[in-house]
Amino acid sequence: MNVNHALLIFKSALEYADFKGINNLLADNCQYINVERNILKNGKVEVYDFLNSTAKRTRDENVAVYAHMMTLGEEIKGKEFFYEGQRGLAIAYNEIDNYAIGMFIELDSNNFINKIIVSDKIPSFRLDKHRAEYNSPPIDYIFYKTPVDFLDWLTAISIWLETGYVNEHSFYDSLADECCVHFQRKNQEPILLLGKENIINDFSKIMNLFFYTMPHIIHDKNNRSFIMYGPMTIEIGRSLAGPANFIHIYIDDTGD
C-alpha cells in the first residue's frame, strides 16, 4: 500500500461514513492531527475510535460527504506537515464543490498509516481527475484486499472508475457464481450479464465508459448507498455470505 492507495480507501470510508476495517491499516503509534483546531489523537485505538465517532455523527446528521483526490499547489501553514505537490483529499460537506478541509496521510516504513493530518485551510490546490487528465499523477492502483463486504465492493468499483485500474482476477473471483449484472441506458433495451463467465467477458466494457467527472459514494437519507459517476448510478447487492450477486448500472446521459 502507498499513500495514494490509503487516500482512495479513506475517500470511500468518508463518503460511506464507515471506517470499518481501517484499523487494520493504522500503525500502533498512529496520530490524528487537526492543525487549526488543535485536535490530537494518539495511538491506533484512540485514532480509530475518533474516526468512528466522526462517521457516526455524519450518519446521525445525514451529512453528505464528498472527497476528492487533490494536489497542493503551494506550502500552507505548518511546514512540517505540508509541501507543494503533496497528495491529499479535498473534502466537502453537502455541496459537492464547496471544499472545506484537506486531509493528508503519512505512512511508516512498513506502509502502515502513522499520521492523519487535517487542515481547514488549503488555499491552493488542484483536483486530480486521473482518467480525465493525462497530466494528473498516475495511480497504479490494485485494491488492497479481496472484496468481502458491502463497503469493500463500493470501494473497489469506485476506485476502478476513478483510476481505470483493477485487479480483475481478484475482483471476478469474488463474485457469486450466479451473479447478475443489469445495465440500462435511458430509452435503450437493458443488457443482462448472467453468471460469472458472461460478466468476465463483458463487464470491463461497461466500466470503461468514460465521463469527465469522478465517482462518489452516496449514502442517502433512506439509508441507501450507491455510486454516482456523472450520469451513471451503480447499486450492488450481495448474499449474506459476502460475494456480490447483483450489480445494477443505470445511465441517464440524454440531458432530458
C-alpha atoms as a PDB file:
ATOM      1  CA  MET A   1       0.000   0.000   0.000  1.00  0.00           C
ATOM      2  CA  ASN A   2       1.209   3.526  -0.764  1.00  0.00           C
ATOM      3  CA  VAL A   3      -0.164   6.963   0.119  1.00  0.00           C
ATOM      4  CA  ASN A   4      -2.409   7.096  -2.959  1.00  0.00           C
ATOM      5  CA  HIS A   5      -3.954   3.750  -2.036  1.00  0.00           C
ATOM      6  CA  ALA A   6      -4.585   4.920   1.528  1.00  0.00           C
ATOM      7  CA  LEU A   7      -6.180   8.165   0.345  1.00  0.00           C
ATOM      8  CA  LEU A   8      -8.554   6.344  -2.006  1.00  0.00           C
ATOM      9  CA  ILE A   9      -9.593   3.965   0.777  1.00  0.00           C
ATOM     10  CA  PHE A  10     -10.217   6.929   3.099  1.00  0.00           C
ATOM     11  CA  LYS A  11     -12.209   8.638   0.349  1.00  0.00           C
ATOM     12  CA  SER A  12     -14.663   5.731   0.329  1.00  0.00           C
ATOM     13  CA  ALA A  13     -14.772   5.486   4.126  1.00  0.00           C
ATOM     14  CA  LEU A  14     -15.535   9.201   4.437  1.00  0.00           C
ATOM     15  CA  GLU A  15     -18.262   9.159   1.795  1.00  0.00           C
ATOM     16  CA  TYR A  16     -19.857   5.980   3.139  1.00  0.00           C
ATOM     17  CA  ALA A  17     -19.414   7.225   6.737  1.00  0.00           C
ATOM     18  CA  ASP A  18     -17.985   3.933   7.952  1.00  0.00           C
ATOM     19  CA  PHE A  19     -14.364   3.254   8.906  1.00  0.00           C
ATOM     20  CA  LYS A  20     -14.814  -0.472   9.428  1.00  0.00           C
ATOM     21  CA  GLY A  21     -11.546  -2.243   8.696  1.00  0.00           C
ATOM     22  CA  ILE A  22      -9.447   0.942   8.632  1.00  0.00           C
ATOM     23  CA  ASN A  23      -7.919  -0.094  11.978  1.00  0.00           C
ATOM     24  CA  ASN A  24      -6.016  -2.801  10.094  1.00  0.00           C
ATOM     25  CA  LEU A  25      -4.197  -0.078   8.161  1.00  0.00           C
ATOM     26  CA  LEU A  26      -3.187   2.032  11.183  1.00  0.00           C
ATOM     27  CA  ALA A  27       0.217   1.851  12.848  1.00  0.00           C
ATOM     28  CA  ASP A  28       0.217   1.249  16.606  1.00  0.00           C
ATOM     29  CA  ASN A  29       1.611   4.761  17.150  1.00  0.00           C
ATOM     30  CA  CYS A  30      -0.734   6.434  14.636  1.00  0.00           C
ATOM     31  CA  GLN A  31      -1.630  10.089  15.218  1.00  0.00           C
ATOM     32  CA  TYR A  32      -4.632  12.157  14.091  1.00  0.00           C
ATOM     33  CA  ILE A  33      -3.774  15.846  13.934  1.00  0.00           C
ATOM     34  CA  ASN A  34      -6.113  18.753  13.144  1.00  0.00           C
ATOM     35  CA  VAL A  35      -3.723  21.657  12.669  1.00  0.00           C
ATOM     36  CA  GLU A  36      -6.118  24.581  13.184  1.00  0.00           C
ATOM     37  CA  ARG A  37      -8.396  23.048  15.829  1.00  0.00           C
ATOM     38  CA  ASN A  38      -5.547  21.642  17.926  1.00  0.00           C
ATOM     39  CA  ILE A  39      -7.097  18.171  17.963  1.00  0.00           C
ATOM     40  CA  LEU A  40      -4.564  15.448  18.672  1.00  0.00           C
ATOM     41  CA  LYS A  41      -5.352  11.758  18.991  1.00  0.00           C
ATOM     42  CA  ASN A  42      -2.548   9.340  19.808  1.00  0.00           C
ATOM     43  CA  GLY A  43      -2.351   5.609  19.207  1.00  0.00           C
ATOM     44  CA  LYS A  44      -4.210   3.201  16.966  1.00  0.00           C
ATOM     45  CA  VAL A  45      -7.154   2.665  19.314  1.00  0.00           C
ATOM     46  CA  GLU A  46      -7.727   6.356  20.074  1.00  0.00           C
ATOM     47  CA  VAL A  47      -7.473   7.363  16.408  1.00  0.00           C
ATOM     48  CA  TYR A  48      -9.808   4.599  15.272  1.00  0.00           C
ATOM     49  CA  ASP A  49     -12.371   5.479  17.973  1.00  0.00           C
ATOM     50  CA  PHE A  50     -12.227   9.130  16.898  1.00  0.00           C
ATOM     51  CA  LEU A  51     -12.736   8.265  13.215  1.00  0.00           C
ATOM     52  CA  ASN A  52     -15.724   6.088  14.133  1.00  0.00           C
ATOM     53  CA  SER A  53     -17.248   8.856  16.252  1.00  0.00           C
ATOM     54  CA  THR A  54     -16.995  11.341  13.359  1.00  0.00           C
ATOM     55  CA  ALA A  55     -18.565   8.804  10.998  1.00  0.00           C
ATOM     56  CA  LYS A  56     -21.433   8.182  13.434  1.00  0.00           C
ATOM     57  CA  ARG A  57     -22.074  11.922  13.671  1.00  0.00           C
ATOM     58  CA  THR A  58     -22.099  12.133   9.875  1.00  0.00           C
ATOM     59  CA  ARG A  59     -24.697   9.349   9.674  1.00  0.00           C
ATOM     60  CA  ASP A  60     -26.815  10.703  12.534  1.00  0.00           C
ATOM     61  CA  GLU A  61     -26.947  14.183  10.993  1.00  0.00           C
ATOM     62  CA  ASN A  62     -27.444  12.883   7.424  1.00  0.00           C
ATOM     63  CA  VAL A  63     -24.490  14.879   6.154  1.00  0.00           C
ATOM     64  CA  ALA A  64     -23.418  14.197   2.573  1.00  0.00           C
ATOM     65  CA  VAL A  65     -19.633  13.907   2.282  1.00  0.00           C
ATOM     66  CA  TYR A  66     -17.712  14.306  -0.978  1.00  0.00           C
ATOM     67  CA  ALA A  67     -13.981  13.552  -1.008  1.00  0.00           C
ATOM     68  CA  HIS A  68     -11.758  14.202  -4.000  1.00  0.00           C
ATOM     69  CA  MET A  69      -8.096  13.451  -4.649  1.00  0.00           C
ATOM     70  CA  MET A  70      -6.076  16.668  -4.908  1.00  0.00           C
ATOM     71  CA  THR A  71      -2.541  18.034  -5.077  1.00  0.00           C
ATOM     72  CA  LEU A  72      -1.299  21.056  -3.126  1.00  0.00           C
ATOM     73  CA  GLY A  73      -0.096  23.979  -5.195  1.00  0.00           C
ATOM     74  CA  GLU A  74       1.981  25.691  -2.537  1.00  0.00           C
ATOM     75  CA  GLU A  75       3.052  25.411   1.079  1.00  0.00           C
ATOM     76  CA  ILE A  76       0.458  26.193   3.709  1.00  0.00           C
ATOM     77  CA  LYS A  77       0.533  26.702   7.445  1.00  0.00           C
ATOM     78  CA  GLY A  78       2.626  24.106   9.238  1.00  0.00           C
ATOM     79  CA  LYS A  79       5.678  23.367   7.085  1.00  0.00           C
ATOM     80  CA  GLU A  80       6.325  20.175   8.991  1.00  0.00           C
ATOM     81  CA  PHE A  81       3.084  18.743   7.577  1.00  0.00           C
ATOM     82  CA  PHE A  82       2.517  20.272   4.126  1.00  0.00           C
ATOM     83  CA  TYR A  83       4.518  20.850   0.963  1.00  0.00           C
ATOM     84  CA  GLU A  84       3.983  21.752  -2.683  1.00  0.00           C
ATOM     85  CA  GLY A  85       2.927  18.727  -4.736  1.00  0.00           C
ATOM     86  CA  GLN A  86       1.603  16.815  -1.735  1.00  0.00           C
ATOM     87  CA  ARG A  87      -1.303  14.477  -2.463  1.00  0.00           C
ATOM     88  CA  GLY A  88      -4.372  14.570  -0.247  1.00  0.00           C
ATOM     89  CA  LEU A  89      -8.155  14.649  -0.126  1.00  0.00           C
ATOM     90  CA  ALA A  90     -10.265  17.769  -0.536  1.00  0.00           C
ATOM     91  CA  ILE A  91     -13.433  17.181   1.482  1.00  0.00           C
ATOM     92  CA  ALA A  92     -16.794  18.901   1.031  1.00  0.00           C
ATOM     93  CA  TYR A  93     -19.960  18.616   3.089  1.00  0.00           C
ATOM     94  CA  ASN A  94     -23.445  18.676   1.498  1.00  0.00           C
ATOM     95  CA  GLU A  95     -22.278  20.717  -1.510  1.00  0.00           C
ATOM     96  CA  ILE A  96     -20.059  18.724  -3.855  1.00  0.00           C
ATOM     97  CA  ASP A  97     -17.782  21.612  -4.886  1.00  0.00           C
ATOM     98  CA  ASN A  98     -17.614  23.508  -1.578  1.00  0.00           C
ATOM     99  CA  TYR A  99     -14.376  22.046  -0.266  1.00  0.00           C
ATOM    100  CA  ALA A 100     -13.967  22.790   3.430  1.00  0.00           C
ATOM    101  CA  ILE A 101     -10.964  20.787   4.634  1.00  0.00           C
ATOM    102  CA  GLY A 102      -7.956  18.894   3.392  1.00  0.00           C
ATOM    103  CA  MET A 103      -6.803  15.506   4.672  1.00  0.00           C
ATOM    104  CA  PHE A 104      -3.288  14.131   4.272  1.00  0.00           C
ATOM    105  CA  ILE A 105      -1.791  10.766   5.179  1.00  0.00           C
ATOM    106  CA  GLU A 106       1.735   9.660   6.013  1.00  0.00           C
ATOM    107  CA  LEU A 107       2.958   6.064   6.106  1.00  0.00           C
ATOM    108  CA  ASP A 108       5.685   4.487   8.183  1.00  0.00           C
ATOM    109  CA  SER A 109       8.458   2.261   6.835  1.00  0.00           C
ATOM    110  CA  ASN A 110       6.107  -0.756   6.992  1.00  0.00           C
ATOM    111  CA  ASN A 111       3.438   1.048   4.939  1.00  0.00           C
ATOM    112  CA  PHE A 112       1.050   1.467   7.854  1.00  0.00           C
ATOM    113  CA  ILE A 113      -0.638   4.838   8.399  1.00  0.00           C
ATOM    114  CA  ASN A 114       1.201   6.723  11.132  1.00  0.00           C
ATOM    115  CA  LYS A 115      -0.231  10.211  10.603  1.00  0.00           C
ATOM    116  CA  ILE A 116      -3.614  11.547   9.506  1.00  0.00           C
ATOM    117  CA  ILE A 117      -3.351  15.317   9.161  1.00  0.00           C
ATOM    118  CA  VAL A 118      -6.356  17.571   8.667  1.00  0.00           C
ATOM    119  CA  SER A 119      -6.341  21.267   7.792  1.00  0.00           C
ATOM    120  CA  ASP A 120      -9.193  23.760   7.480  1.00  0.00           C
ATOM    121  CA  LYS A 121      -7.022  25.996   5.292  1.00  0.00           C
ATOM    122  CA  ILE A 122      -5.992  24.698   1.865  1.00  0.00           C
ATOM    123  CA  PRO A 123      -5.624  27.899  -0.201  1.00  0.00           C
ATOM    124  CA  SER A 124      -4.055  26.474  -3.330  1.00  0.00           C
ATOM    125  CA  PHE A 125      -4.751  23.019  -4.709  1.00  0.00           C
ATOM    126  CA  ARG A 126      -5.873  21.263  -7.859  1.00  0.00           C
ATOM    127  CA  LEU A 127      -8.377  18.438  -8.069  1.00  0.00           C
ATOM    128  CA  ASP A 128      -6.964  15.325  -9.716  1.00  0.00           C
ATOM    129  CA  LYS A 129      -9.028  13.623 -12.409  1.00  0.00           C
ATOM    130  CA  HIS A 130      -6.834  10.651 -13.178  1.00  0.00           C
ATOM    131  CA  ARG A 131      -8.721   9.194 -16.129  1.00  0.00           C
ATOM    132  CA  ALA A 132      -9.820  12.584 -17.389  1.00  0.00           C
ATOM    133  CA  GLU A 133      -6.479  14.380 -17.461  1.00  0.00           C
ATOM    134  CA  TYR A 134      -3.295  12.878 -18.797  1.00  0.00           C
ATOM    135  CA  ASN A 135      -1.260  15.316 -16.699  1.00  0.00           C
ATOM    136  CA  SER A 136      -2.673  14.004 -13.427  1.00  0.00           C
ATOM    137  CA  PRO A 137      -0.125  12.000 -11.438  1.00  0.00           C
ATOM    138  CA  PRO A 138      -0.697   8.314 -12.273  1.00  0.00           C
ATOM    139  CA  ILE A 139      -2.056   5.824  -9.769  1.00  0.00           C
ATOM    140  CA  ASP A 140      -1.074   2.210 -10.372  1.00  0.00           C
ATOM    141  CA  TYR A 141      -3.780   1.050  -8.011  1.00  0.00           C
ATOM    142  CA  ILE A 142      -4.763  -2.510  -7.153  1.00  0.00           C
ATOM    143  CA  PHE A 143      -7.448  -2.888  -4.483  1.00  0.00           C
ATOM    144  CA  TYR A 144      -5.603  -3.937  -1.346  1.00  0.00           C
ATOM    145  CA  LYS A 145      -7.902  -6.811  -0.392  1.00  0.00           C
ATOM    146  CA  THR A 146     -10.454  -9.217  -1.815  1.00  0.00           C
ATOM    147  CA  PRO A 147     -13.901  -7.572  -1.548  1.00  0.00           C
ATOM    148  CA  VAL A 148     -15.903  -9.307   1.166  1.00  0.00           C
ATOM    149  CA  ASP A 149     -18.468  -6.801   2.408  1.00  0.00           C
ATOM    150  CA  PHE A 150     -20.657  -4.031   1.044  1.00  0.00           C
ATOM    151  CA  LEU A 151     -18.164  -1.211   1.650  1.00  0.00           C
ATOM    152  CA  ASP A 152     -15.392  -3.269   0.025  1.00  0.00           C
ATOM    153  CA  TRP A 153     -17.488  -3.635  -3.128  1.00  0.00           C
ATOM    154  CA  LEU A 154     -18.382   0.051  -3.247  1.00  0.00           C
ATOM    155  CA  THR A 155     -14.730   0.952  -2.721  1.00  0.00           C
ATOM    156  CA  ALA A 156     -13.397  -1.462  -5.333  1.00  0.00           C
ATOM    157  CA  ILE A 157     -15.812  -0.278  -8.040  1.00  0.00           C
ATOM    158  CA  SER A 158     -15.377   3.405  -7.131  1.00  0.00           C
ATOM    159  CA  ILE A 159     -11.597   3.110  -7.369  1.00  0.00           C
ATOM    160  CA  TRP A 160     -11.878   1.225 -10.676  1.00  0.00           C
ATOM    161  CA  LEU A 161     -13.922   4.095 -12.093  1.00  0.00           C
ATOM    162  CA  GLU A 162     -11.588   6.718 -10.648  1.00  0.00           C
ATOM    163  CA  THR A 163      -8.251   5.283 -11.717  1.00  0.00           C
ATOM    164  CA  GLY A 164      -9.001   2.849 -14.526  1.00  0.00           C
ATOM    165  CA  TYR A 165      -7.071   0.169 -12.648  1.00  0.00           C
ATOM    166  CA  VAL A 166      -8.382  -3.023 -11.071  1.00  0.00           C
ATOM    167  CA  ASN A 167      -7.116  -6.465 -10.174  1.00  0.00           C
ATOM    168  CA  GLU A 168      -9.694  -8.172 -12.375  1.00  0.00           C
ATOM    169  CA  HIS A 169      -8.681 -11.676 -11.265  1.00  0.00           C
ATOM    170  CA  SER A 170      -9.369 -10.849  -7.609  1.00  0.00           C
ATOM    171  CA  PHE A 171     -12.499  -8.869  -8.486  1.00  0.00           C
ATOM    172  CA  TYR A 172     -14.159 -11.554 -10.604  1.00  0.00           C
ATOM    173  CA  ASP A 173     -13.161 -14.376  -8.263  1.00  0.00           C
ATOM    174  CA  SER A 174     -15.116 -12.593  -5.544  1.00  0.00           C
ATOM    175  CA  LEU A 175     -18.373 -12.547  -7.492  1.00  0.00           C
ATOM    176  CA  ALA A 176     -21.057 -15.069  -6.685  1.00  0.00           C
ATOM    177  CA  ASP A 177     -21.321 -17.750  -9.388  1.00  0.00           C
ATOM    178  CA  GLU A 178     -24.944 -16.735 -10.007  1.00  0.00           C
ATOM    179  CA  CYS A 179     -24.160 -13.000 -10.082  1.00  0.00           C
ATOM    180  CA  CYS A 180     -26.216 -10.869 -12.468  1.00  0.00           C
ATOM    181  CA  VAL A 181     -25.252  -7.517 -13.963  1.00  0.00           C
ATOM    182  CA  HIS A 182     -28.188  -5.402 -15.164  1.00  0.00           C
ATOM    183  CA  PHE A 183     -27.097  -2.500 -17.364  1.00  0.00           C
ATOM    184  CA  GLN A 184     -29.501   0.025 -18.810  1.00  0.00           C
ATOM    185  CA  ARG A 185     -29.084   3.261 -20.658  1.00  0.00           C
ATOM    186  CA  LYS A 186     -32.148   5.513 -20.741  1.00  0.00           C
ATOM    187  CA  ASN A 187     -34.517   4.724 -23.639  1.00  0.00           C
ATOM    188  CA  GLN A 188     -32.476   1.667 -24.641  1.00  0.00           C
ATOM    189  CA  GLU A 189     -33.049  -2.016 -24.104  1.00  0.00           C
ATOM    190  CA  PRO A 190     -31.347  -3.348 -20.951  1.00  0.00           C
ATOM    191  CA  ILE A 191     -28.333  -5.621 -21.151  1.00  0.00           C
ATOM    192  CA  LEU A 192     -28.193  -8.610 -18.808  1.00  0.00           C
ATOM    193  CA  LEU A 193     -24.963 -10.417 -17.976  1.00  0.00           C
ATOM    194  CA  LEU A 194     -25.973 -13.665 -16.292  1.00  0.00           C
ATOM    195  CA  GLY A 195     -23.333 -15.703 -14.491  1.00  0.00           C
ATOM    196  CA  LYS A 196     -19.695 -15.104 -13.762  1.00  0.00           C
ATOM    197  CA  GLU A 197     -18.431 -16.214 -17.199  1.00  0.00           C
ATOM    198  CA  ASN A 198     -20.525 -13.643 -19.100  1.00  0.00           C
ATOM    199  CA  ILE A 199     -19.590 -10.942 -16.601  1.00  0.00           C
ATOM    200  CA  ILE A 200     -15.879 -11.660 -17.021  1.00  0.00           C
ATOM    201  CA  ASN A 201     -16.228 -11.290 -20.801  1.00  0.00           C
ATOM    202  CA  ASP A 202     -18.177  -8.023 -20.872  1.00  0.00           C
ATOM    203  CA  PHE A 203     -18.183  -6.166 -17.543  1.00  0.00           C
ATOM    204  CA  SER A 204     -14.945  -4.275 -18.201  1.00  0.00           C
ATOM    205  CA  LYS A 205     -16.518  -2.712 -21.329  1.00  0.00           C
ATOM    206  CA  ILE A 206     -19.162  -1.124 -19.121  1.00  0.00           C
ATOM    207  CA  MET A 207     -16.616   0.010 -16.553  1.00  0.00           C
ATOM    208  CA  ASN A 208     -14.529   1.640 -19.282  1.00  0.00           C
ATOM    209  CA  LEU A 209     -17.350   4.038 -20.169  1.00  0.00           C
ATOM    210  CA  PHE A 210     -15.870   7.464 -19.546  1.00  0.00           C
ATOM    211  CA  PHE A 211     -17.415  10.639 -18.122  1.00  0.00           C
ATOM    212  CA  TYR A 212     -15.487  13.802 -17.350  1.00  0.00           C
ATOM    213  CA  THR A 213     -16.054  13.603 -13.603  1.00  0.00           C
ATOM    214  CA  MET A 214     -15.117  11.478 -10.610  1.00  0.00           C
ATOM    215  CA  PRO A 215     -17.168   8.840  -8.744  1.00  0.00           C
ATOM    216  CA  HIS A 216     -18.626   9.387  -5.287  1.00  0.00           C
ATOM    217  CA  ILE A 217     -20.305   7.018  -2.851  1.00  0.00           C
ATOM    218  CA  ILE A 218     -23.700   8.407  -1.881  1.00  0.00           C
ATOM    219  CA  HIS A 219     -25.299   7.438   1.433  1.00  0.00           C
ATOM    220  CA  ASP A 220     -28.808   8.906   1.253  1.00  0.00           C
ATOM    221  CA  LYS A 221     -31.423   9.710   3.901  1.00  0.00           C
ATOM    222  CA  ASN A 222     -33.181   6.395   3.247  1.00  0.00           C
ATOM    223  CA  ASN A 223     -30.020   4.523   4.273  1.00  0.00           C
ATOM    224  CA  ARG A 224     -29.406   3.527   0.652  1.00  0.00           C
ATOM    225  CA  SER A 225     -25.822   3.518  -0.604  1.00  0.00           C
ATOM    226  CA  PHE A 226     -24.725   3.603  -4.227  1.00  0.00           C
ATOM    227  CA  ILE A 227     -22.075   5.066  -6.526  1.00  0.00           C
ATOM    228  CA  MET A 228     -22.676   8.152  -8.652  1.00  0.00           C
ATOM    229  CA  TYR A 229     -20.336   8.650 -11.604  1.00  0.00           C
ATOM    230  CA  GLY A 230     -21.671  11.521 -13.665  1.00  0.00           C
ATOM    231  CA  PRO A 231     -24.912  10.215 -15.234  1.00  0.00           C
ATOM    232  CA  MET A 232     -24.118   6.663 -14.085  1.00  0.00           C
ATOM    233  CA  THR A 233     -25.655   5.112 -10.962  1.00  0.00           C
ATOM    234  CA  ILE A 234     -24.314   1.797  -9.650  1.00  0.00           C
ATOM    235  CA  GLU A 235     -26.042  -0.280  -6.988  1.00  0.00           C
ATOM    236  CA  ILE A 236     -24.692  -3.524  -5.548  1.00  0.00           C
ATOM    237  CA  GLY A 237     -26.468  -6.453  -3.931  1.00  0.00           C
ATOM    238  CA  ARG A 238     -24.766  -9.330  -2.179  1.00  0.00           C
ATOM    239  CA  SER A 239     -25.542 -12.589  -0.470  1.00  0.00           C
ATOM    240  CA  LEU A 240     -25.201 -12.977   3.284  1.00  0.00           C
ATOM    241  CA  ALA A 241     -22.002 -14.934   2.702  1.00  0.00           C
ATOM    242  CA  GLY A 242     -20.338 -11.918   1.121  1.00  0.00           C
ATOM    243  CA  PRO A 243     -19.959 -12.275  -2.669  1.00  0.00           C
ATOM    244  CA  ALA A 244     -21.689  -9.704  -4.838  1.00  0.00           C
ATOM    245  CA  ASN A 245     -24.667 -11.354  -6.546  1.00  0.00           C
ATOM    246  CA  PHE A 246     -26.277  -8.357  -8.259  1.00  0.00           C
ATOM    247  CA  ILE A 247     -24.906  -5.194  -9.841  1.00  0.00           C
ATOM    248  CA  HIS A 248     -27.343  -2.678 -11.315  1.00  0.00           C
ATOM    249  CA  ILE A 249     -25.974   0.086 -13.553  1.00  0.00           C
ATOM    250  CA  TYR A 250     -28.189   2.822 -14.949  1.00  0.00           C
ATOM    251  CA  ILE A 251     -27.108   5.712 -17.182  1.00  0.00           C
ATOM    252  CA  ASP A 252     -29.174   8.782 -17.994  1.00  0.00           C
ATOM    253  CA  ASP A 253     -26.986  10.936 -20.237  1.00  0.00           C
ATOM    254  CA  THR A 254     -29.711  12.194 -22.541  1.00  0.00           C
ATOM    255  CA  GLY A 255     -29.812  15.651 -20.983  1.00  0.00           C
ATOM    256  CA  ASP A 256     -33.608  15.452 -20.677  1.00  0.00           C
END
